C-alpha atoms as a PDB file:
ATOM      1  CA  MET A   1     152.161 176.703  62.778  1.00  0.00           C
ATOM      2  CA  THR A   2     149.067 176.037  63.813  1.00  0.00           C
ATOM      3  CA  LYS A   3     148.448 172.323  64.114  1.00  0.00           C
ATOM      4  CA  ALA A   4     146.103 170.343  62.332  1.00  0.00           C
ATOM      5  CA  VAL A   5     144.577 166.824  61.307  1.00  0.00           C
ATOM      6  CA  ALA A   6     142.622 165.497  58.670  1.00  0.00           C
ATOM      7  CA  TYR A   7     139.312 163.839  58.634  1.00  0.00           C
ATOM      8  CA  MET A   8     138.123 161.649  55.674  1.00  0.00           C
ATOM      9  CA  ARG A   9     135.470 159.378  55.188  1.00  0.00           C
ATOM     10  CA  CYS A  10     134.368 157.257  52.480  1.00  0.00           C
ATOM     11  CA  SER A  11     130.994 155.373  52.394  1.00  0.00           C
ATOM     12  CA  GLY A  12     131.825 151.629  50.928  1.00  0.00           C
ATOM     13  CA  LEU A  13     134.075 149.227  52.270  1.00  0.00           C
ATOM     14  CA  GLY A  14     134.986 148.710  48.450  1.00  0.00           C
ATOM     15  CA  GLN A  15     136.215 152.511  48.172  1.00  0.00           C
ATOM     16  CA  VAL A  16     138.661 151.811  50.912  1.00  0.00           C
ATOM     17  CA  ASP A  17     141.948 150.549  48.280  1.00  0.00           C
ATOM     18  CA  GLY A  18     140.777 153.214  45.759  1.00  0.00           C
ATOM     19  CA  ASP A  19     141.864 156.634  45.318  1.00  0.00           C
ATOM     20  CA  THR A  20     139.582 158.033  47.715  1.00  0.00           C
ATOM     21  CA  TRP A  21     142.141 158.611  50.435  1.00  0.00           C
ATOM     22  CA  ASP A  22     144.429 159.785  48.299  1.00  0.00           C
ATOM     23  CA  ARG A  23     142.028 162.687  46.378  1.00  0.00           C
ATOM     24  CA  GLN A  24     141.163 163.924  49.806  1.00  0.00           C
ATOM     25  CA  MET A  25     144.160 163.870  51.260  1.00  0.00           C
ATOM     26  CA  GLU A  26     145.331 166.138  48.347  1.00  0.00           C
ATOM     27  CA  ALA A  27     142.725 168.708  48.667  1.00  0.00           C
ATOM     28  CA  ILE A  28     143.096 168.973  52.530  1.00  0.00           C
ATOM     29  CA  SER A  29     146.957 169.244  52.318  1.00  0.00           C
ATOM     30  CA  ASN A  30     147.104 171.779  49.626  1.00  0.00           C
ATOM     31  CA  SER A  31     144.008 173.958  51.796  1.00  0.00           C
ATOM     32  CA  CYS A  32     146.084 173.243  54.855  1.00  0.00           C
ATOM     33  CA  ALA A  33     149.521 175.041  53.175  1.00  0.00           C
ATOM     34  CA  ALA A  34     147.431 177.972  51.738  1.00  0.00           C
ATOM     35  CA  LEU A  35     146.078 178.588  55.384  1.00  0.00           C
ATOM     36  CA  GLY A  36     149.388 178.170  56.938  1.00  0.00           C
ATOM     37  CA  LEU A  37     148.424 174.818  58.756  1.00  0.00           C
ATOM     38  CA  ASP A  38     151.005 171.715  60.102  1.00  0.00           C
ATOM     39  CA  LEU A  39     149.043 168.947  58.890  1.00  0.00           C
ATOM     40  CA  THR A  40     150.027 166.191  61.536  1.00  0.00           C
ATOM     41  CA  CYS A  41     147.729 162.942  60.468  1.00  0.00           C
ATOM     42  CA  ALA A  42     144.751 161.818  59.306  1.00  0.00           C
ATOM     43  CA  TYR A  43     141.714 160.075  60.574  1.00  0.00           C
ATOM     44  CA  PRO A  44     140.146 157.733  57.904  1.00  0.00           C
ATOM     45  CA  GLU A  45     136.931 156.383  58.731  1.00  0.00           C
ATOM     46  CA  GLU A  46     136.278 153.301  56.668  1.00  0.00           C
ATOM     47  CA  GLY A  47     132.812 152.360  55.286  1.00  0.00           C
ATOM     48  CA  VAL A  48     130.721 154.706  57.291  1.00  0.00           C
ATOM     49  CA  PRO A  49     127.450 156.115  55.501  1.00  0.00           C
ATOM     50  CA  GLY A  50     127.414 160.119  55.457  1.00  0.00           C
ATOM     51  CA  LYS A  51     123.568 160.006  57.113  1.00  0.00           C
ATOM     52  CA  LEU A  52     125.459 158.497  60.660  1.00  0.00           C
ATOM     53  CA  ASP A  53     126.054 160.699  63.419  1.00  0.00           C
ATOM     54  CA  GLU A  54     128.851 160.696  65.734  1.00  0.00           C
ATOM     55  CA  THR A  55     128.037 157.664  67.877  1.00  0.00           C
ATOM     56  CA  HIS A  56     128.461 155.377  64.750  1.00  0.00           C
ATOM     57  CA  ARG A  57     132.126 156.942  63.500  1.00  0.00           C
ATOM     58  CA  PRO A  58     135.093 155.272  65.558  1.00  0.00           C
ATOM     59  CA  ALA A  59     137.442 157.235  63.754  1.00  0.00           C
ATOM     60  CA  PHE A  60     136.017 160.636  64.650  1.00  0.00           C
ATOM     61  CA  GLN A  61     135.192 159.545  68.207  1.00  0.00           C
ATOM     62  CA  GLN A  62     139.180 158.635  68.450  1.00  0.00           C
ATOM     63  CA  MET A  63     139.854 161.798  66.783  1.00  0.00           C
ATOM     64  CA  ILE A  64     137.935 163.728  69.014  1.00  0.00           C
ATOM     65  CA  LEU A  65     139.689 162.056  72.350  1.00  0.00           C
ATOM     66  CA  ASP A  66     142.934 162.227  71.117  1.00  0.00           C
ATOM     67  CA  LEU A  67     142.597 166.270  70.139  1.00  0.00           C
ATOM     68  CA  LEU A  68     141.162 167.055  73.486  1.00  0.00           C
ATOM     69  CA  GLY A  69     144.324 165.180  75.135  1.00  0.00           C
ATOM     70  CA  ASN A  70     146.929 166.767  72.917  1.00  0.00           C
ATOM     71  CA  GLY A  71     146.060 170.255  72.303  1.00  0.00           C
ATOM     72  CA  CYS A  72     145.551 169.867  68.430  1.00  0.00           C
ATOM     73  CA  ARG A  73     142.347 172.050  67.644  1.00  0.00           C
ATOM     74  CA  VAL A  74     142.170 172.193  64.232  1.00  0.00           C
ATOM     75  CA  ILE A  75     139.953 169.480  61.827  1.00  0.00           C
ATOM     76  CA  VAL A  76     140.334 169.859  57.978  1.00  0.00           C
ATOM     77  CA  VAL A  77     137.627 167.907  55.685  1.00  0.00           C
ATOM     78  CA  GLU A  78     137.685 167.726  52.149  1.00  0.00           C
ATOM     79  CA  ARG A  79     134.806 169.346  51.873  1.00  0.00           C
ATOM     80  CA  LEU A  80     131.372 169.461  54.685  1.00  0.00           C
ATOM     81  CA  GLN A  81     129.694 166.361  51.973  1.00  0.00           C
ATOM     82  CA  ARG A  82     132.327 164.404  53.038  1.00  0.00           C
ATOM     83  CA  LEU A  83     131.936 164.920  56.393  1.00  0.00           C
ATOM     84  CA  ALA A  84     128.402 164.335  56.156  1.00  0.00           C
ATOM     85  CA  ARG A  85     126.092 163.901  52.867  1.00  0.00           C
ATOM     86  CA  GLU A  86     122.541 165.392  54.889  1.00  0.00           C
ATOM     87  CA  TYR A  87     122.329 168.713  56.159  1.00  0.00           C
ATOM     88  CA  ALA A  88     121.299 168.245  59.479  1.00  0.00           C
ATOM     89  CA  VAL A  89     123.802 165.731  60.131  1.00  0.00           C
ATOM     90  CA  GLN A  90     126.794 168.221  58.884  1.00  0.00           C
ATOM     91  CA  GLN A  91     125.080 170.774  61.147  1.00  0.00           C
ATOM     92  CA  SER A  92     125.049 168.188  64.444  1.00  0.00           C
ATOM     93  CA  LEU A  93     128.275 167.352  63.826  1.00  0.00           C
ATOM     94  CA  ALA A  94     129.626 170.625  63.358  1.00  0.00           C
ATOM     95  CA  MET A  95     127.727 171.918  66.452  1.00  0.00           C
ATOM     96  CA  TYR A  96     129.323 168.591  68.245  1.00  0.00           C
ATOM     97  CA  ILE A  97     133.133 170.071  67.022  1.00  0.00           C
ATOM     98  CA  ALA A  98     132.562 173.403  68.373  1.00  0.00           C
ATOM     99  CA  SER A  99     131.052 172.335  71.582  1.00  0.00           C
ATOM    100  CA  LYS A 100     134.331 170.606  72.336  1.00  0.00           C
ATOM    101  CA  GLY A 101     136.603 174.013  71.455  1.00  0.00           C
ATOM    102  CA  LEU A 102     137.692 172.840  68.140  1.00  0.00           C
ATOM    103  CA  THR A 103     137.638 174.465  64.810  1.00  0.00           C
ATOM    104  CA  LEU A 104     136.510 172.462  61.427  1.00  0.00           C
ATOM    105  CA  ILE A 105     137.397 174.053  58.170  1.00  0.00           C
ATOM    106  CA  ALA A 106     136.291 172.680  55.088  1.00  0.00           C
ATOM    107  CA  ALA A 107     139.387 172.693  52.314  1.00  0.00           C
ATOM    108  CA  ASP A 108     137.234 173.151  49.179  1.00  0.00           C
ATOM    109  CA  THR A 109     136.304 176.563  50.797  1.00  0.00           C
ATOM    110  CA  GLN A 110     138.875 177.011  53.430  1.00  0.00           C
ATOM    111  CA  GLU A 111     135.918 178.566  55.241  1.00  0.00           C
ATOM    112  CA  ASP A 112     135.898 178.398  59.250  1.00  0.00           C
ATOM    113  CA  ILE A 113     132.761 175.929  59.904  1.00  0.00           C
ATOM    114  CA  THR A 114     132.580 176.645  63.643  1.00  0.00           C
ATOM    115  CA  ALA A 115     133.082 180.221  63.613  1.00  0.00           C
ATOM    116  CA  ALA A 116     129.878 180.457  61.163  1.00  0.00           C
ATOM    117  CA  LEU A 117     128.156 178.318  63.581  1.00  0.00           C
ATOM    118  CA  ILE A 118     129.438 180.536  66.802  1.00  0.00           C
ATOM    119  CA  GLY A 119     128.224 183.623  64.629  1.00  0.00           C
ATOM    120  CA  ASP A 120     124.316 182.896  64.998  1.00  0.00           C
ATOM    121  CA  PRO A 121     123.448 183.561  68.409  1.00  0.00           C
ATOM    122  CA  MET A 122     120.699 180.743  68.539  1.00  0.00           C
ATOM    123  CA  LYS A 123     123.382 178.068  67.476  1.00  0.00           C
ATOM    124  CA  ARG A 124     125.758 179.483  69.499  1.00  0.00           C
ATOM    125  CA  ALA A 125     123.519 178.835  72.945  1.00  0.00           C
ATOM    126  CA  LEU A 126     122.515 175.313  71.520  1.00  0.00           C
ATOM    127  CA  ILE A 127     126.268 174.816  71.230  1.00  0.00           C
ATOM    128  CA  GLN A 128     126.889 175.859  74.629  1.00  0.00           C
ATOM    129  CA  ILE A 129     124.073 173.464  76.443  1.00  0.00           C
ATOM    130  CA  GLN A 130     125.654 170.889  74.159  1.00  0.00           C
ATOM    131  CA  GLY A 131     128.838 171.513  75.301  1.00  0.00           C
ATOM    132  CA  VAL A 132     128.012 170.730  78.840  1.00  0.00           C
ATOM    133  CA  PHE A 133     126.197 167.472  78.335  1.00  0.00           C
ATOM    134  CA  SER A 134     129.507 166.222  75.956  1.00  0.00           C
ATOM    135  CA  GLU A 135     131.800 167.090  78.850  1.00  0.00           C
ATOM    136  CA  LEU A 136     129.414 164.705  81.360  1.00  0.00           C
ATOM    137  CA  ASP A 137     128.914 161.996  78.097  1.00  0.00           C
ATOM    138  CA  LYS A 138     132.931 162.021  77.850  1.00  0.00           C
ATOM    139  CA  ASN A 139     133.827 161.636  81.223  1.00  0.00           C
ATOM    140  CA  LEU A 140     131.056 158.171  81.361  1.00  0.00           C
ATOM    141  CA  THR A 141     132.251 157.002  78.425  1.00  0.00           C
ATOM    142  CA  ILE A 142     135.885 156.836  79.332  1.00  0.00           C
ATOM    143  CA  GLU A 143     134.753 155.075  82.240  1.00  0.00           C
ATOM    144  CA  LYS A 144     132.907 152.341  80.680  1.00  0.00           C
ATOM    145  CA  LEU A 145     135.491 152.010  77.689  1.00  0.00           C
ATOM    146  CA  GLY A 146     138.150 151.522  80.512  1.00  0.00           C
ATOM    147  CA  LYS A 147     136.096 148.799  82.389  1.00  0.00           C
ATOM    148  CA  ALA A 148     135.502 147.032  79.145  1.00  0.00           C
ATOM    149  CA  ARG A 149     139.016 146.719  77.720  1.00  0.00           C
ATOM    150  CA  ALA A 150     140.530 145.813  80.921  1.00  0.00           C
ATOM    151  CA  ARG A 151     137.559 143.008  81.054  1.00  0.00           C
ATOM    152  CA  ILE A 152     138.331 142.062  77.508  1.00  0.00           C
ATOM    153  CA  ARG A 153     142.255 141.845  78.071  1.00  0.00           C
ATOM    154  CA  GLY A 154     141.509 139.854  81.443  1.00  0.00           C
ATOM    155  CA  GLN A 155     140.013 137.023  78.865  1.00  0.00           C
ATOM    156  CA  GLY A 156     143.180 136.918  76.585  1.00  0.00           C
ATOM    157  CA  ARG A 157     141.626 138.742  73.586  1.00  0.00           C
ATOM    158  CA  ARG A 158     141.992 141.859  71.771  1.00  0.00           C
ATOM    159  CA  PRO A 159     139.150 144.722  72.466  1.00  0.00           C
ATOM    160  CA  HIS A 160     136.006 144.371  69.490  1.00  0.00           C
ATOM    161  CA  GLN A 161     137.582 140.658  68.852  1.00  0.00           C
ATOM    162  CA  LYS A 162     133.891 138.810  68.396  1.00  0.00           C
ATOM    163  CA  ASN A 163     135.772 135.555  67.581  1.00  0.00           C
ATOM    164  CA  TYR A 164     138.981 133.852  68.861  1.00  0.00           C
ATOM    165  CA  SER A 165     140.952 131.213  69.495  1.00  0.00           C
ATOM    166  CA  SER A 166     144.138 130.105  70.832  1.00  0.00           C
ATOM    167  CA  ASP A 167     146.200 131.113  67.737  1.00  0.00           C
ATOM    168  CA  PRO A 168     147.480 134.562  67.829  1.00  0.00           C
ATOM    169  CA  VAL A 169     147.132 134.927  64.081  1.00  0.00           C
ATOM    170  CA  LYS A 170     143.614 133.514  63.806  1.00  0.00           C
ATOM    171  CA  ASN A 171     142.791 136.102  66.464  1.00  0.00           C
ATOM    172  CA  HIS A 172     144.163 138.654  64.407  1.00  0.00           C
ATOM    173  CA  HIS A 173     142.176 137.875  61.260  1.00  0.00           C
ATOM    174  CA  ALA A 174     138.881 137.753  63.326  1.00  0.00           C
ATOM    175  CA  GLU A 175     138.881 141.941  63.474  1.00  0.00           C
ATOM    176  CA  GLY A 176     139.519 142.043  59.734  1.00  0.00           C
ATOM    177  CA  ARG A 177     142.236 142.861  58.079  1.00  0.00           C
ATOM    178  CA  LEU A 178     145.571 142.941  59.640  1.00  0.00           C
ATOM    179  CA  ARG A 179     147.273 146.731  60.180  1.00  0.00           C
ATOM    180  CA  PHE A 180     150.242 147.646  58.780  1.00  0.00           C
ATOM    181  CA  GLY A 181     153.211 146.335  61.145  1.00  0.00           C
ATOM    182  CA  TRP A 182     151.579 142.906  62.219  1.00  0.00           C
ATOM    183  CA  LYS A 183     153.291 141.031  59.177  1.00  0.00           C
ATOM    184  CA  PRO A 184     157.089 139.779  59.602  1.00  0.00           C
ATOM    185  CA  GLY A 185     159.292 142.221  58.053  1.00  0.00           C
ATOM    186  CA  GLU A 186     156.996 145.315  58.484  1.00  0.00           C
ATOM    187  CA  ASP A 187     157.469 146.653  61.680  1.00  0.00           C
ATOM    188  CA  ALA A 188     161.068 147.818  60.441  1.00  0.00           C
ATOM    189  CA  VAL A 189     159.361 149.895  57.844  1.00  0.00           C
ATOM    190  CA  LEU A 190     156.881 150.902  60.413  1.00  0.00           C
ATOM    191  CA  GLN A 191     159.627 152.369  62.563  1.00  0.00           C
ATOM    192  CA  ARG A 192     161.037 154.089  59.865  1.00  0.00           C
ATOM    193  CA  ILE A 193     157.991 155.929  58.776  1.00  0.00           C
ATOM    194  CA  HIS A 194     157.754 157.180  62.284  1.00  0.00           C
ATOM    195  CA  THR A 195     161.392 158.357  62.237  1.00  0.00           C
ATOM    196  CA  LEU A 196     161.068 160.094  59.065  1.00  0.00           C
ATOM    197  CA  ARG A 197     157.872 161.791  60.732  1.00  0.00           C
ATOM    198  CA  SER A 198     159.640 162.707  64.068  1.00  0.00           C
ATOM    199  CA  GLU A 199     162.181 164.410  61.185  1.00  0.00           C
ATOM    200  CA  ASP A 200     159.603 166.722  60.593  1.00  0.00           C
ATOM    201  CA  ASN A 201     159.058 165.414  57.025  1.00  0.00           C
ATOM    202  CA  THR A 202     155.659 166.026  55.641  1.00  0.00           C
ATOM    203  CA  LEU A 203     153.405 162.941  54.573  1.00  0.00           C
ATOM    204  CA  ARG A 204     154.426 163.118  50.925  1.00  0.00           C
ATOM    205  CA  GLN A 205     158.203 163.659  51.481  1.00  0.00           C
ATOM    206  CA  ILE A 206     157.661 160.548  53.960  1.00  0.00           C
ATOM    207  CA  ALA A 207     156.167 158.350  50.638  1.00  0.00           C
ATOM    208  CA  SER A 208     158.784 159.863  48.283  1.00  0.00           C
ATOM    209  CA  GLN A 209     161.764 158.817  50.646  1.00  0.00           C
ATOM    210  CA  LEU A 210     160.164 155.332  51.205  1.00  0.00           C
ATOM    211  CA  ASN A 211     159.710 154.640  47.229  1.00  0.00           C
ATOM    212  CA  ALA A 212     163.581 156.244  46.565  1.00  0.00           C
ATOM    213  CA  GLU A 213     164.918 153.528  49.446  1.00  0.00           C
ATOM    214  CA  GLY A 214     163.294 150.846  47.596  1.00  0.00           C
ATOM    215  CA  ILE A 215     161.010 149.943  50.733  1.00  0.00           C
ATOM    216  CA  HIS A 216     157.404 148.594  49.136  1.00  0.00           C
ATOM    217  CA  GLY A 217     154.049 148.460  51.198  1.00  0.00           C
ATOM    218  CA  ARG A 218     152.164 145.342  51.889  1.00  0.00           C
ATOM    219  CA  TYR A 219     151.589 144.688  48.275  1.00  0.00           C
ATOM    220  CA  GLY A 220     154.477 145.823  46.376  1.00  0.00           C
ATOM    221  CA  LYS A 221     152.722 149.322  45.205  1.00  0.00           C
ATOM    222  CA  PRO A 222     154.442 152.660  46.000  1.00  0.00           C
ATOM    223  CA  TRP A 223     153.651 154.426  48.949  1.00  0.00           C
ATOM    224  CA  ASN A 224     151.372 157.546  49.046  1.00  0.00           C
ATOM    225  CA  THR A 225     150.179 160.256  51.262  1.00  0.00           C
ATOM    226  CA  GLY A 226     146.796 158.662  52.115  1.00  0.00           C
ATOM    227  CA  THR A 227     148.576 154.919  53.171  1.00  0.00           C
ATOM    228  CA  ILE A 228     151.155 157.022  55.259  1.00  0.00           C
ATOM    229  CA  SER A 229     148.320 158.990  56.748  1.00  0.00           C
ATOM    230  CA  ARG A 230     146.620 156.176  57.737  1.00  0.00           C
ATOM    231  CA  ILE A 231     149.262 154.397  59.526  1.00  0.00           C
ATOM    232  CA  LEU A 232     150.528 157.421  61.425  1.00  0.00           C
ATOM    233  CA  ALA A 233     146.860 158.088  62.458  1.00  0.00           C
ATOM    234  CA  ARG A 234     147.114 154.688  64.497  1.00  0.00           C
ATOM    235  CA  PRO A 235     150.329 154.192  65.787  1.00  0.00           C
ATOM    236  CA  GLN A 236     149.680 153.608  69.269  1.00  0.00           C
ATOM    237  CA  GLN A 237     146.735 151.697  68.834  1.00  0.00           C
ATOM    238  CA  SER A 238     149.117 149.232  66.861  1.00  0.00           C
ATOM    239  CA  GLU A 239     151.622 149.290  69.984  1.00  0.00           C
ATOM    240  CA  GLU A 240     148.978 148.917  72.404  1.00  0.00           C
ATOM    241  CA  VAL A 241     147.776 145.604  70.422  1.00  0.00           C
ATOM    242  CA  LYS A 242     151.318 143.878  70.107  1.00  0.00           C
ATOM    243  CA  LYS A 243     151.624 144.259  74.339  1.00  0.00           C
END
């Protein structure tokens, strides 16, 4: 089966703990099943307005970097309005994706958006031009980020950490909510999630298995596909920070 990832977005931080992730994931999962795609993970964009381009979307940028390195080439969104509210931004992001040789699919219509763009001669030329400059920009960005991370780690703090102290717990809180796996007892649950995923279980099967085993989430709530997808989307980041 062709592998795919989900890109999800909510514009307000107040929506993060609501049902937006579950709703988006359900639509994307159903579409992937209908199209014969293997949904491997999700990239949730938290608190990012739909009018912003790719330079203001950290999850989007991470997703593109990951896909260019792991061979997965398909991105599925709930609908184009979830990618971006404004038409111009939709087109810009879709063309950016196409310039990387990736495919964008809208779950509500199951349409291959990038194929439609490439079918337009003028847009195809713009995509090709953008691809050349995107490759240059990627190489420059990777070099810049590598130097910045090395400099920050040399100062004994985590990347993107604005306020820090000698107390590691306070350092974690300086970046906002602790990612799952940092609090006592969560590491074992995190390992269990990755083990279940390595056994080719779907997101829904993993959530059901954890609930059946009596393993609860951070706040004692039952597991759902949205929470599982967010955890699986960032395993390497969590492990890197712990080191």
